Every structure is written in structure tokens, then in C-alpha cells.
Amino acid sequence: MSSSIDQFKAELENFVAQTRQTNLVWGLCLDEVEWLSVDSSEFENSEVMPFWSSEEAARAHCVEEWAEFEVTSIDLDLFTNEWMTTLSEDGVLVGLNWNDALEGAELEPEMVTKLFSK
């Protein structure tokens, strides 16, 4: 495995461990209704909604074009049960614990759900 793949895998494991401990997932939201989503860097014509396992990591991304977004928490059960279903239906991918360069895994919502079923 390449080091970037190893790093992405470590971040996924960290995401699961941290969110299980706090029961919270963190995302960026504008005006309490518009959640941040971006174009996929891996898949053409796909959107990705990024999430982080800590408030601090999410807040670090509220800069430049995302400066107006607010860091917002989501209950882990709601995230894994309802959000993943909705994102799957909408064809939106999920980015977990992206780094400062906005690099990280882009997963199908079903894969995120499976991470928490282990």
C-alpha cells in the first residue's frame, strides 16, 4: 500500500474510534440548512460531503471560500442511520477526516455504514 492509502485508512479508523467515543460527527453548514459539499476529485460528476471526527478538525476548514460556514455537530446514530441513507439515495459520496489539503477517502455511504457495523 502507498503511504497516502495508509494515511487514508488510518484516518478512517480514527474517525470511527473518535465518533464512537463522542457520539458526534462534525460537518460544515451554512445558515443551518446548507451543508457543505464539493465536487469529487476521484469520480466525475459526483459530489462529496465532508465530515470530521472532531470539532477542531472541522473548524480548521472554515477558511477562504468556506469561511462563512459554521461547524455543526450531528448525532452519530442519526449520521449512520438517516444521513447515510439520504446521501446514498441522492448519490452523494462521503469524505471522512480530510486533511488540510482536502485529501482523503471518498466513500459510498454504504461503506461508511459498514465501518460502524464492525
PDB file of N, CA and C in Angstrom:
ATOM      1  N   MET A   1       0.826  -1.187   0.000  1.00  0.00           N
ATOM      2  CA  MET A   1       0.000   0.000   0.000  1.00  0.00           C
ATOM      3  C   MET A   1       0.870   1.250   0.000  1.00  0.00           C
ATOM      4  N   SER A   2       0.426   2.276  -0.677  1.00  0.00           N
ATOM      5  CA  SER A   2       1.173   3.526  -0.666  1.00  0.00           C
ATOM      6  C   SER A   2       0.935   4.253   0.654  1.00  0.00           C
ATOM      7  N   SER A   3       1.795   5.189   0.955  1.00  0.00           N
ATOM      8  CA  SER A   3       1.666   5.901   2.226  1.00  0.00           C
ATOM      9  C   SER A   3       0.378   6.716   2.291  1.00  0.00           C
ATOM     10  N   SER A   4      -0.075   7.285   1.159  1.00  0.00           N
ATOM     11  CA  SER A   4      -1.332   8.044   1.197  1.00  0.00           C
ATOM     12  C   SER A   4      -2.519   7.123   1.467  1.00  0.00           C
ATOM     13  N   ILE A   5      -2.506   5.939   0.922  1.00  0.00           N
ATOM     14  CA  ILE A   5      -3.585   4.980   1.194  1.00  0.00           C
ATOM     15  C   ILE A   5      -3.535   4.561   2.660  1.00  0.00           C
ATOM     16  N   ASP A   6      -2.326   4.333   3.176  1.00  0.00           N
ATOM     17  CA  ASP A   6      -2.177   4.003   4.592  1.00  0.00           C
ATOM     18  C   ASP A   6      -2.722   5.134   5.462  1.00  0.00           C
ATOM     19  N   GLN A   7      -2.416   6.380   5.079  1.00  0.00           N
ATOM     20  CA  GLN A   7      -2.877   7.542   5.839  1.00  0.00           C
ATOM     21  C   GLN A   7      -4.401   7.643   5.787  1.00  0.00           C
ATOM     22  N   PHE A   8      -5.004   7.443   4.611  1.00  0.00           N
ATOM     23  CA  PHE A   8      -6.459   7.491   4.490  1.00  0.00           C
ATOM     24  C   PHE A   8      -7.097   6.413   5.364  1.00  0.00           C
ATOM     25  N   LYS A   9      -6.527   5.222   5.358  1.00  0.00           N
ATOM     26  CA  LYS A   9      -7.060   4.116   6.167  1.00  0.00           C
ATOM     27  C   LYS A   9      -6.959   4.464   7.653  1.00  0.00           C
ATOM     28  N   ALA A  10      -5.841   5.034   8.059  1.00  0.00           N
ATOM     29  CA  ALA A  10      -5.672   5.439   9.453  1.00  0.00           C
ATOM     30  C   ALA A  10      -6.694   6.500   9.844  1.00  0.00           C
ATOM     31  N   GLU A  11      -6.972   7.440   8.941  1.00  0.00           N
ATOM     32  CA  GLU A  11      -7.960   8.482   9.232  1.00  0.00           C
ATOM     33  C   GLU A  11      -9.365   7.901   9.346  1.00  0.00           C
ATOM     34  N   LEU A  12      -9.678   6.902   8.524  1.00  0.00           N
ATOM     35  CA  LEU A  12     -10.988   6.251   8.633  1.00  0.00           C
ATOM     36  C   LEU A  12     -11.128   5.567   9.981  1.00  0.00           C
ATOM     37  N   GLU A  13     -10.078   4.854  10.404  1.00  0.00           N
ATOM     38  CA  GLU A  13     -10.101   4.180  11.705  1.00  0.00           C
ATOM     39  C   GLU A  13     -10.216   5.199  12.831  1.00  0.00           C
ATOM     40  N   ASN A  14      -9.496   6.302  12.695  1.00  0.00           N
ATOM     41  CA  ASN A  14      -9.558   7.368  13.688  1.00  0.00           C
ATOM     42  C   ASN A  14     -10.958   7.974  13.741  1.00  0.00           C
ATOM     43  N   PHE A  15     -11.556   8.186  12.576  1.00  0.00           N
ATOM     44  CA  PHE A  15     -12.910   8.740  12.507  1.00  0.00           C
ATOM     45  C   PHE A  15     -13.880   7.851  13.281  1.00  0.00           C
ATOM     46  N   VAL A  16     -13.847   6.565  13.010  1.00  0.00           N
ATOM     47  CA  VAL A  16     -14.766   5.628  13.672  1.00  0.00           C
ATOM     48  C   VAL A  16     -14.520   5.618  15.180  1.00  0.00           C
ATOM     49  N   ALA A  17     -13.270   5.514  15.597  1.00  0.00           N
ATOM     50  CA  ALA A  17     -12.949   5.453  17.025  1.00  0.00           C
ATOM     51  C   ALA A  17     -13.386   6.720  17.757  1.00  0.00           C
ATOM     52  N   GLN A  18     -13.057   7.876  17.202  1.00  0.00           N
ATOM     53  CA  GLN A  18     -13.403   9.140  17.857  1.00  0.00           C
ATOM     54  C   GLN A  18     -14.903   9.377  17.912  1.00  0.00           C
ATOM     55  N   THR A  19     -15.598   9.116  16.817  1.00  0.00           N
ATOM     56  CA  THR A  19     -17.039   9.380  16.808  1.00  0.00           C
ATOM     57  C   THR A  19     -17.793   8.389  17.688  1.00  0.00           C
ATOM     58  N   ARG A  20     -17.295   7.180  17.800  1.00  0.00           N
ATOM     59  CA  ARG A  20     -17.922   6.228  18.732  1.00  0.00           C
ATOM     60  C   ARG A  20     -17.757   6.711  20.172  1.00  0.00           C
ATOM     61  N   GLN A  21     -16.631   7.326  20.457  1.00  0.00           N
ATOM     62  CA  GLN A  21     -16.357   7.812  21.805  1.00  0.00           C
ATOM     63  C   GLN A  21     -17.226   9.023  22.156  1.00  0.00           C
ATOM     64  N   THR A  22     -17.375   9.952  21.218  1.00  0.00           N
ATOM     65  CA  THR A  22     -18.120  11.185  21.491  1.00  0.00           C
ATOM     66  C   THR A  22     -19.585  11.123  21.075  1.00  0.00           C
ATOM     67  N   ASN A  23     -19.917  10.168  20.211  1.00  0.00           N
ATOM     68  CA  ASN A  23     -21.260  10.053  19.622  1.00  0.00           C
ATOM     69  C   ASN A  23     -21.635  11.262  18.779  1.00  0.00           C
ATOM     70  N   LEU A  24     -20.600  11.950  18.240  1.00  0.00           N
ATOM     71  CA  LEU A  24     -20.832  13.113  17.394  1.00  0.00           C
ATOM     72  C   LEU A  24     -19.979  13.055  16.137  1.00  0.00           C
ATOM     73  N   VAL A  25     -20.550  13.568  15.059  1.00  0.00           N
ATOM     74  CA  VAL A  25     -19.864  13.766  13.782  1.00  0.00           C
ATOM     75  C   VAL A  25     -19.959  15.259  13.508  1.00  0.00           C
ATOM     76  N   TRP A  26     -18.920  15.823  12.877  1.00  0.00           N
ATOM     77  CA  TRP A  26     -18.883  17.263  12.638  1.00  0.00           C
ATOM     78  C   TRP A  26     -18.847  17.577  11.153  1.00  0.00           C
ATOM     79  N   GLY A  27     -19.674  18.532  10.745  1.00  0.00           N
ATOM     80  CA  GLY A  27     -19.694  18.975   9.361  1.00  0.00           C
ATOM     81  C   GLY A  27     -19.756  20.485   9.315  1.00  0.00           C
ATOM     82  N   LEU A  28     -19.803  21.023   8.118  1.00  0.00           N
ATOM     83  CA  LEU A  28     -19.872  22.470   7.927  1.00  0.00           C
ATOM     84  C   LEU A  28     -21.209  22.823   7.296  1.00  0.00           C
ATOM     85  N   CYS A  29     -21.889  23.762   7.914  1.00  0.00           N
ATOM     86  CA  CYS A  29     -23.241  24.111   7.495  1.00  0.00           C
ATOM     87  C   CYS A  29     -23.350  25.625   7.350  1.00  0.00           C
ATOM     88  N   LEU A  30     -24.125  26.058   6.378  1.00  0.00           N
ATOM     89  CA  LEU A  30     -24.361  27.478   6.123  1.00  0.00           C
ATOM     90  C   LEU A  30     -25.828  27.776   6.392  1.00  0.00           C
ATOM     91  N   ASP A  31     -26.075  28.746   7.245  1.00  0.00           N
ATOM     92  CA  ASP A  31     -27.451  29.168   7.570  1.00  0.00           C
ATOM     93  C   ASP A  31     -28.328  28.023   8.059  1.00  0.00           C
ATOM     94  N   GLU A  32     -27.742  27.058   8.747  1.00  0.00           N
ATOM     95  CA  GLU A  32     -28.435  25.928   9.371  1.00  0.00           C
ATOM     96  C   GLU A  32     -29.181  25.014   8.397  1.00  0.00           C
ATOM     97  N   VAL A  33     -28.992  25.200   7.095  1.00  0.00           N
ATOM     98  CA  VAL A  33     -29.702  24.343   6.138  1.00  0.00           C
ATOM     99  C   VAL A  33     -28.819  23.814   5.014  1.00  0.00           C
ATOM    100  N   GLU A  34     -27.801  24.537   4.648  1.00  0.00           N
ATOM    101  CA  GLU A  34     -26.981  24.161   3.502  1.00  0.00           C
ATOM    102  C   GLU A  34     -25.662  23.548   3.973  1.00  0.00           C
ATOM    103  N   TRP A  35     -25.564  22.242   3.838  1.00  0.00           N
ATOM    104  CA  TRP A  35     -24.355  21.538   4.252  1.00  0.00           C
ATOM    105  C   TRP A  35     -23.333  21.583   3.126  1.00  0.00           C
ATOM    106  N   LEU A  36     -22.079  21.730   3.507  1.00  0.00           N
ATOM    107  CA  LEU A  36     -21.002  21.803   2.538  1.00  0.00           C
ATOM    108  C   LEU A  36     -20.884  20.512   1.741  1.00  0.00           C
ATOM    109  N   SER A  37     -20.831  20.645   0.435  1.00  0.00           N
ATOM    110  CA  SER A  37     -20.490  19.529  -0.449  1.00  0.00           C
ATOM    111  C   SER A  37     -19.636  20.103  -1.567  1.00  0.00           C
ATOM    112  N   VAL A  38     -18.747  19.265  -2.076  1.00  0.00           N
ATOM    113  CA  VAL A  38     -17.800  19.697  -3.100  1.00  0.00           C
ATOM    114  C   VAL A  38     -17.770  18.667  -4.221  1.00  0.00           C
ATOM    115  N   ASP A  39     -17.210  19.077  -5.348  1.00  0.00           N
ATOM    116  CA  ASP A  39     -17.039  18.133  -6.453  1.00  0.00           C
ATOM    117  C   ASP A  39     -16.002  17.088  -6.073  1.00  0.00           C
ATOM    118  N   SER A  40     -16.250  15.867  -6.451  1.00  0.00           N
ATOM    119  CA  SER A  40     -15.315  14.779  -6.187  1.00  0.00           C
ATOM    120  C   SER A  40     -14.035  14.972  -6.981  1.00  0.00           C
ATOM    121  N   SER A  41     -12.917  14.659  -6.358  1.00  0.00           N
ATOM    122  CA  SER A  41     -11.639  14.685  -7.083  1.00  0.00           C
ATOM    123  C   SER A  41     -11.331  13.324  -7.674  1.00  0.00           C
ATOM    124  N   GLU A  42     -12.122  12.310  -7.302  1.00  0.00           N
ATOM    125  CA  GLU A  42     -11.893  10.947  -7.768  1.00  0.00           C
ATOM    126  C   GLU A  42     -12.897  10.473  -8.812  1.00  0.00           C
ATOM    127  N   PHE A  43     -14.126  10.961  -8.706  1.00  0.00           N
ATOM    128  CA  PHE A  43     -15.193  10.443  -9.555  1.00  0.00           C
ATOM    129  C   PHE A  43     -15.883  11.584 -10.295  1.00  0.00           C
ATOM    130  N   GLU A  44     -15.915  11.483 -11.607  1.00  0.00           N
ATOM    131  CA  GLU A  44     -16.522  12.509 -12.443  1.00  0.00           C
ATOM    132  C   GLU A  44     -18.015  12.614 -12.160  1.00  0.00           C
ATOM    133  N   ASN A  45     -18.516  13.838 -12.173  1.00  0.00           N
ATOM    134  CA  ASN A  45     -19.939  14.128 -11.962  1.00  0.00           C
ATOM    135  C   ASN A  45     -20.464  13.620 -10.620  1.00  0.00           C
ATOM    136  N   SER A  46     -19.612  13.646  -9.601  1.00  0.00           N
ATOM    137  CA  SER A  46     -20.026  13.220  -8.258  1.00  0.00           C
ATOM    138  C   SER A  46     -19.748  14.330  -7.251  1.00  0.00           C
ATOM    139  N   GLU A  47     -20.572  14.350  -6.230  1.00  0.00           N
ATOM    140  CA  GLU A  47     -20.426  15.284  -5.126  1.00  0.00           C
ATOM    141  C   GLU A  47     -19.950  14.527  -3.906  1.00  0.00           C
ATOM    142  N   VAL A  48     -19.211  15.227  -3.044  1.00  0.00           N
ATOM    143  CA  VAL A  48     -18.746  14.641  -1.785  1.00  0.00           C
ATOM    144  C   VAL A  48     -19.117  15.586  -0.659  1.00  0.00           C
ATOM    145  N   MET A  49     -19.654  15.037   0.420  1.00  0.00           N
ATOM    146  CA  MET A  49     -19.939  15.819   1.607  1.00  0.00           C
ATOM    147  C   MET A  49     -18.916  15.420   2.675  1.00  0.00           C
ATOM    148  N   PRO A  50     -18.048  16.368   3.082  1.00  0.00           N
ATOM    149  CA  PRO A  50     -17.023  16.025   4.068  1.00  0.00           C
ATOM    150  C   PRO A  50     -17.523  16.121   5.516  1.00  0.00           C
ATOM    151  N   PHE A  51     -16.973  15.238   6.351  1.00  0.00           N
ATOM    152  CA  PHE A  51     -17.278  15.213   7.778  1.00  0.00           C
ATOM    153  C   PHE A  51     -15.983  14.923   8.536  1.00  0.00           C
ATOM    154  N   TRP A  52     -15.948  15.378   9.787  1.00  0.00           N
ATOM    155  CA  TRP A  52     -14.770  15.157  10.626  1.00  0.00           C
ATOM    156  C   TRP A  52     -15.190  14.586  11.962  1.00  0.00           C
ATOM    157  N   SER A  53     -14.219  13.976  12.644  1.00  0.00           N
ATOM    158  CA  SER A  53     -14.490  13.333  13.924  1.00  0.00           C
ATOM    159  C   SER A  53     -14.312  14.274  15.108  1.00  0.00           C
ATOM    160  N   SER A  54     -13.844  15.495  14.865  1.00  0.00           N
ATOM    161  CA  SER A  54     -13.710  16.455  15.957  1.00  0.00           C
ATOM    162  C   SER A  54     -14.124  17.847  15.492  1.00  0.00           C
ATOM    163  N   GLU A  55     -14.588  18.607  16.448  1.00  0.00           N
ATOM    164  CA  GLU A  55     -14.971  19.993  16.159  1.00  0.00           C
ATOM    165  C   GLU A  55     -13.770  20.787  15.670  1.00  0.00           C
ATOM    166  N   GLU A  56     -12.617  20.561  16.284  1.00  0.00           N
ATOM    167  CA  GLU A  56     -11.406  21.299  15.928  1.00  0.00           C
ATOM    168  C   GLU A  56     -11.001  21.037  14.474  1.00  0.00           C
ATOM    169  N   ALA A  57     -11.041  19.771  14.063  1.00  0.00           N
ATOM    170  CA  ALA A  57     -10.665  19.429  12.684  1.00  0.00           C
ATOM    171  C   ALA A  57     -11.622  20.068  11.682  1.00  0.00           C
ATOM    172  N   ALA A  58     -12.906  20.064  12.001  1.00  0.00           N
ATOM    173  CA  ALA A  58     -13.885  20.700  11.108  1.00  0.00           C
ATOM    174  C   ALA A  58     -13.658  22.207  11.063  1.00  0.00           C
ATOM    175  N   ARG A  59     -13.422  22.813  12.225  1.00  0.00           N
ATOM    176  CA  ARG A  59     -13.228  24.261  12.303  1.00  0.00           C
ATOM    177  C   ARG A  59     -12.007  24.700  11.491  1.00  0.00           C
ATOM    178  N   ALA A  60     -10.998  23.869  11.419  1.00  0.00           N
ATOM    179  CA  ALA A  60      -9.782  24.201  10.665  1.00  0.00           C
ATOM    180  C   ALA A  60     -10.075  24.413   9.180  1.00  0.00           C
ATOM    181  N   HIS A  61     -11.222  23.917   8.718  1.00  0.00           N
ATOM    182  CA  HIS A  61     -11.589  24.050   7.305  1.00  0.00           C
ATOM    183  C   HIS A  61     -12.516  25.241   7.031  1.00  0.00           C
ATOM    184  N   CYS A  62     -12.857  25.991   8.061  1.00  0.00           N
ATOM    185  CA  CYS A  62     -13.706  27.180   7.892  1.00  0.00           C
ATOM    186  C   CYS A  62     -12.837  28.377   7.504  1.00  0.00           C
ATOM    187  N   VAL A  63     -12.195  28.261   6.374  1.00  0.00           N
ATOM    188  CA  VAL A  63     -11.309  29.312   5.873  1.00  0.00           C
ATOM    189  C   VAL A  63     -11.617  29.564   4.396  1.00  0.00           C
ATOM    190  N   GLU A  64     -11.096  30.670   3.905  1.00  0.00           N
ATOM    191  CA  GLU A  64     -11.231  31.052   2.499  1.00  0.00           C
ATOM    192  C   GLU A  64     -12.671  30.932   2.024  1.00  0.00           C
ATOM    193  N   GLU A  65     -12.934  30.145   0.992  1.00  0.00           N
ATOM    194  CA  GLU A  65     -14.292  30.090   0.450  1.00  0.00           C
ATOM    195  C   GLU A  65     -15.291  29.414   1.393  1.00  0.00           C
ATOM    196  N   TRP A  66     -14.796  28.768   2.440  1.00  0.00           N
ATOM    197  CA  TRP A  66     -15.688  28.131   3.410  1.00  0.00           C
ATOM    198  C   TRP A  66     -15.776  28.909   4.713  1.00  0.00           C
ATOM    199  N   ALA A  67     -15.261  30.119   4.741  1.00  0.00           N
ATOM    200  CA  ALA A  67     -15.210  30.916   5.973  1.00  0.00           C
ATOM    201  C   ALA A  67     -16.593  31.218   6.545  1.00  0.00           C
ATOM    202  N   GLU A  68     -17.601  31.286   5.714  1.00  0.00           N
ATOM    203  CA  GLU A  68     -18.954  31.600   6.186  1.00  0.00           C
ATOM    204  C   GLU A  68     -19.665  30.401   6.805  1.00  0.00           C
ATOM    205  N   PHE A  69     -19.129  29.211   6.612  1.00  0.00           N
ATOM    206  CA  PHE A  69     -19.766  28.009   7.150  1.00  0.00           C
ATOM    207  C   PHE A  69     -19.539  27.910   8.658  1.00  0.00           C
ATOM    208  N   GLU A  70     -20.510  27.307   9.334  1.00  0.00           N
ATOM    209  CA  GLU A  70     -20.427  27.063  10.772  1.00  0.00           C
ATOM    210  C   GLU A  70     -20.154  25.584  11.017  1.00  0.00           C
ATOM    211  N   VAL A  71     -19.347  25.310  12.014  1.00  0.00           N
ATOM    212  CA  VAL A  71     -19.101  23.927  12.431  1.00  0.00           C
ATOM    213  C   VAL A  71     -20.351  23.453  13.161  1.00  0.00           C
ATOM    214  N   THR A  72     -20.885  22.321  12.725  1.00  0.00           N
ATOM    215  CA  THR A  72     -22.150  21.824  13.260  1.00  0.00           C
ATOM    216  C   THR A  72     -22.034  20.336  13.561  1.00  0.00           C
ATOM    217  N   SER A  73     -22.548  19.931  14.716  1.00  0.00           N
ATOM    218  CA  SER A  73     -22.476  18.523  15.110  1.00  0.00           C
ATOM    219  C   SER A  73     -23.724  17.766  14.669  1.00  0.00           C
ATOM    220  N   ILE A  74     -23.532  16.471  14.471  1.00  0.00           N
ATOM    221  CA  ILE A  74     -24.617  15.554  14.118  1.00  0.00           C
ATOM    222  C   ILE A  74     -24.487  14.354  15.044  1.00  0.00           C
ATOM    223  N   ASP A  75     -25.567  13.925  15.627  1.00  0.00           N
ATOM    224  CA  ASP A  75     -25.563  12.733  16.463  1.00  0.00           C
ATOM    225  C   ASP A  75     -25.125  11.527  15.629  1.00  0.00           C
ATOM    226  N   LEU A  76     -24.251  10.711  16.173  1.00  0.00           N
ATOM    227  CA  LEU A  76     -23.697   9.583  15.418  1.00  0.00           C
ATOM    228  C   LEU A  76     -24.777   8.631  14.913  1.00  0.00           C
ATOM    229  N   ASP A  77     -25.767   8.313  15.743  1.00  0.00           N
ATOM    230  CA  ASP A  77     -26.836   7.409  15.290  1.00  0.00           C
ATOM    231  C   ASP A  77     -27.614   8.017  14.120  1.00  0.00           C
ATOM    232  N   LEU A  78     -27.903   9.295  14.210  1.00  0.00           N
ATOM    233  CA  LEU A  78     -28.592   9.986  13.118  1.00  0.00           C
ATOM    234  C   LEU A  78     -27.728   9.962  11.854  1.00  0.00           C
ATOM    235  N   PHE A  79     -26.435  10.206  12.024  1.00  0.00           N
ATOM    236  CA  PHE A  79     -25.497  10.204  10.904  1.00  0.00           C
ATOM    237  C   PHE A  79     -25.458   8.840  10.224  1.00  0.00           C
ATOM    238  N   THR A  80     -25.285   7.777  10.982  1.00  0.00           N
ATOM    239  CA  THR A  80     -25.131   6.447  10.377  1.00  0.00           C
ATOM    240  C   THR A  80     -26.452   5.883   9.856  1.00  0.00           C
ATOM    241  N   ASN A  81     -27.555   6.215  10.493  1.00  0.00           N
ATOM    242  CA  ASN A  81     -28.833   5.633  10.081  1.00  0.00           C
ATOM    243  C   ASN A  81     -29.578   6.472   9.047  1.00  0.00           C
ATOM    244  N   GLU A  82     -29.743   7.747   9.321  1.00  0.00           N
ATOM    245  CA  GLU A  82     -30.550   8.574   8.423  1.00  0.00           C
ATOM    246  C   GLU A  82     -29.723   9.287   7.351  1.00  0.00           C
ATOM    247  N   TRP A  83     -28.633   9.921   7.767  1.00  0.00           N
ATOM    248  CA  TRP A  83     -27.833  10.666   6.805  1.00  0.00           C
ATOM    249  C   TRP A  83     -27.266   9.757   5.723  1.00  0.00           C
ATOM    250  N   MET A  84     -26.758   8.605   6.094  1.00  0.00           N
ATOM    251  CA  MET A  84     -26.148   7.720   5.092  1.00  0.00           C
ATOM    252  C   MET A  84     -27.196   7.214   4.108  1.00  0.00           C
ATOM    253  N   THR A  85     -28.405   6.980   4.582  1.00  0.00           N
ATOM    254  CA  THR A  85     -29.491   6.563   3.691  1.00  0.00           C
ATOM    255  C   THR A  85     -29.819   7.678   2.703  1.00  0.00           C
ATOM    256  N   THR A  86     -29.979   8.892   3.219  1.00  0.00           N
ATOM    257  CA  THR A  86     -30.316  10.033   2.361  1.00  0.00           C
ATOM    258  C   THR A  86     -29.212  10.319   1.354  1.00  0.00           C
ATOM    259  N   LEU A  87     -27.943  10.328   1.813  1.00  0.00           N
ATOM    260  CA  LEU A  87     -26.841  10.599   0.897  1.00  0.00           C
ATOM    261  C   LEU A  87     -26.733   9.519  -0.173  1.00  0.00           C
ATOM    262  N   SER A  88     -27.007   8.288   0.206  1.00  0.00           N
ATOM    263  CA  SER A  88     -26.995   7.192  -0.771  1.00  0.00           C
ATOM    264  C   SER A  88     -28.085   7.404  -1.820  1.00  0.00           C
ATOM    265  N   GLU A  89     -29.277   7.744  -1.373  1.00  0.00           N
ATOM    266  CA  GLU A  89     -30.390   7.995  -2.296  1.00  0.00           C
ATOM    267  C   GLU A  89     -30.081   9.160  -3.234  1.00  0.00           C
ATOM    268  N   ASP A  90     -29.352  10.153  -2.721  1.00  0.00           N
ATOM    269  CA  ASP A  90     -29.008  11.336  -3.515  1.00  0.00           C
ATOM    270  C   ASP A  90     -27.745  11.144  -4.352  1.00  0.00           C
ATOM    271  N   GLY A  91     -27.070  10.017  -4.183  1.00  0.00           N
ATOM    272  CA  GLY A  91     -25.852   9.751  -4.948  1.00  0.00           C
ATOM    273  C   GLY A  91     -24.659  10.597  -4.517  1.00  0.00           C
ATOM    274  N   VAL A  92     -24.644  11.000  -3.260  1.00  0.00           N
ATOM    275  CA  VAL A  92     -23.557  11.835  -2.729  1.00  0.00           C
ATOM    276  C   VAL A  92     -22.555  10.947  -1.986  1.00  0.00           C
ATOM    277  N   LEU A  93     -21.282  11.151  -2.267  1.00  0.00           N
ATOM    278  CA  LEU A  93     -20.219  10.427  -1.580  1.00  0.00           C
ATOM    279  C   LEU A  93     -19.912  11.102  -0.243  1.00  0.00           C
ATOM    280  N   VAL A  94     -19.152  10.402   0.606  1.00  0.00           N
ATOM    281  CA  VAL A  94     -18.827  10.903   1.930  1.00  0.00           C
ATOM    282  C   VAL A  94     -17.313  10.977   2.078  1.00  0.00           C
ATOM    283  N   GLY A  95     -16.825  12.117   2.530  1.00  0.00           N
ATOM    284  CA  GLY A  95     -15.407  12.300   2.830  1.00  0.00           C
ATOM    285  C   GLY A  95     -15.228  12.354   4.333  1.00  0.00           C
ATOM    286  N   LEU A  96     -14.334  11.535   4.860  1.00  0.00           N
ATOM    287  CA  LEU A  96     -14.140  11.472   6.307  1.00  0.00           C
ATOM    288  C   LEU A  96     -12.743  11.918   6.702  1.00  0.00           C
ATOM    289  N   ASN A  97     -12.683  12.841   7.645  1.00  0.00           N
ATOM    290  CA  ASN A  97     -11.424  13.345   8.208  1.00  0.00           C
ATOM    291  C   ASN A  97     -10.427  13.781   7.144  1.00  0.00           C
ATOM    292  N   TRP A  98     -10.901  14.584   6.196  1.00  0.00           N
ATOM    293  CA  TRP A  98      -9.984  15.113   5.185  1.00  0.00           C
ATOM    294  C   TRP A  98      -8.916  15.963   5.854  1.00  0.00           C
ATOM    295  N   ASN A  99      -7.734  15.950   5.292  1.00  0.00           N
ATOM    296  CA  ASN A  99      -6.632  16.742   5.839  1.00  0.00           C
ATOM    297  C   ASN A  99      -6.727  18.194   5.378  1.00  0.00           C
ATOM    298  N   ASP A 100      -5.722  18.985   5.755  1.00  0.00           N
ATOM    299  CA  ASP A 100      -5.739  20.418   5.427  1.00  0.00           C
ATOM    300  C   ASP A 100      -5.707  20.689   3.929  1.00  0.00           C
ATOM    301  N   ALA A 101      -5.171  19.744   3.156  1.00  0.00           N
ATOM    302  CA  ALA A 101      -5.118  19.886   1.700  1.00  0.00           C
ATOM    303  C   ALA A 101      -6.383  19.329   1.042  1.00  0.00           C
ATOM    304  N   LEU A 102      -7.381  19.009   1.866  1.00  0.00           N
ATOM    305  CA  LEU A 102      -8.652  18.430   1.406  1.00  0.00           C
ATOM    306  C   LEU A 102      -8.445  17.100   0.700  1.00  0.00           C
ATOM    307  N   GLU A 103      -7.503  16.336   1.203  1.00  0.00           N
ATOM    308  CA  GLU A 103      -7.243  14.998   0.683  1.00  0.00           C
ATOM    309  C   GLU A 103      -7.786  13.981   1.673  1.00  0.00           C
ATOM    310  N   GLY A 104      -8.363  12.950   1.127  1.00  0.00           N
ATOM    311  CA  GLY A 104      -8.892  11.882   1.956  1.00  0.00           C
ATOM    312  C   GLY A 104      -9.752  10.969   1.126  1.00  0.00           C
ATOM    313  N   ALA A 105     -10.199   9.927   1.770  1.00  0.00           N
ATOM    314  CA  ALA A 105     -11.025   8.945   1.077  1.00  0.00           C
ATOM    315  C   ALA A 105     -12.389   9.545   0.735  1.00  0.00           C
ATOM    316  N   GLU A 106     -12.921   9.110  -0.399  1.00  0.00           N
ATOM    317  CA  GLU A 106     -14.285   9.445  -0.809  1.00  0.00           C
ATOM    318  C   GLU A 106     -15.029   8.120  -0.884  1.00  0.00           C
ATOM    319  N   LEU A 107     -15.982   7.949   0.017  1.00  0.00           N
ATOM    320  CA  LEU A 107     -16.649   6.659   0.172  1.00  0.00           C
ATOM    321  C   LEU A 107     -18.130   6.724  -0.181  1.00  0.00           C
ATOM    322  N   GLU A 108     -18.631   5.594  -0.654  1.00  0.00           N
ATOM    323  CA  GLU A 108     -20.073   5.438  -0.806  1.00  0.00           C
ATOM    324  C   GLU A 108     -20.672   5.422   0.604  1.00  0.00           C
ATOM    325  N   PRO A 109     -21.842   6.004   0.803  1.00  0.00           N
ATOM    326  CA  PRO A 109     -22.454   5.998   2.136  1.00  0.00           C
ATOM    327  C   PRO A 109     -22.607   4.593   2.733  1.00  0.00           C
ATOM    328  N   GLU A 110     -22.853   3.601   1.895  1.00  0.00           N
ATOM    329  CA  GLU A 110     -22.984   2.232   2.392  1.00  0.00           C
ATOM    330  C   GLU A 110     -21.688   1.754   3.038  1.00  0.00           C
ATOM    331  N   MET A 111     -20.548   2.187   2.494  1.00  0.00           N
ATOM    332  CA  MET A 111     -19.253   1.805   3.059  1.00  0.00           C
ATOM    333  C   MET A 111     -19.059   2.448   4.431  1.00  0.00           C
ATOM    334  N   VAL A 112     -19.533   3.680   4.588  1.00  0.00           N
ATOM    335  CA  VAL A 112     -19.445   4.356   5.879  1.00  0.00           C
ATOM    336  C   VAL A 112     -20.275   3.594   6.908  1.00  0.00           C
ATOM    337  N   THR A 113     -21.468   3.209   6.520  1.00  0.00           N
ATOM    338  CA  THR A 113     -22.318   2.432   7.424  1.00  0.00           C
ATOM    339  C   THR A 113     -21.622   1.141   7.845  1.00  0.00           C
ATOM    340  N   LYS A 114     -20.966   0.472   6.912  1.00  0.00           N
ATOM    341  CA  LYS A 114     -20.251  -0.774   7.209  1.00  0.00           C
ATOM    342  C   LYS A 114     -19.089  -0.548   8.177  1.00  0.00           C
ATOM    343  N   LEU A 115     -18.437   0.613   8.108  1.00  0.00           N
ATOM    344  CA  LEU A 115     -17.346   0.920   9.040  1.00  0.00           C
ATOM    345  C   LEU A 115     -17.849   0.869  10.488  1.00  0.00           C
ATOM    346  N   PHE A 116     -19.092   1.246  10.698  1.00  0.00           N
ATOM    347  CA  PHE A 116     -19.643   1.285  12.046  1.00  0.00           C
ATOM    348  C   PHE A 116     -20.322  -0.021  12.449  1.00  0.00           C
ATOM    349  N   SER A 117     -20.437  -0.957  11.545  1.00  0.00           N
ATOM    350  CA  SER A 117     -21.082  -2.233  11.881  1.00  0.00           C
ATOM    351  C   SER A 117     -20.078  -3.279  12.347  1.00  0.00           C
ATOM    352  N   LYS A 118     -18.796  -2.913  12.302  1.00  0.00           N
ATOM    353  CA  LYS A 118     -17.747  -3.853  12.717  1.00  0.00           C
ATOM    354  C   LYS A 118     -17.613  -3.905  14.210  1.00  0.00           C
TER     355      LYS A 118
END
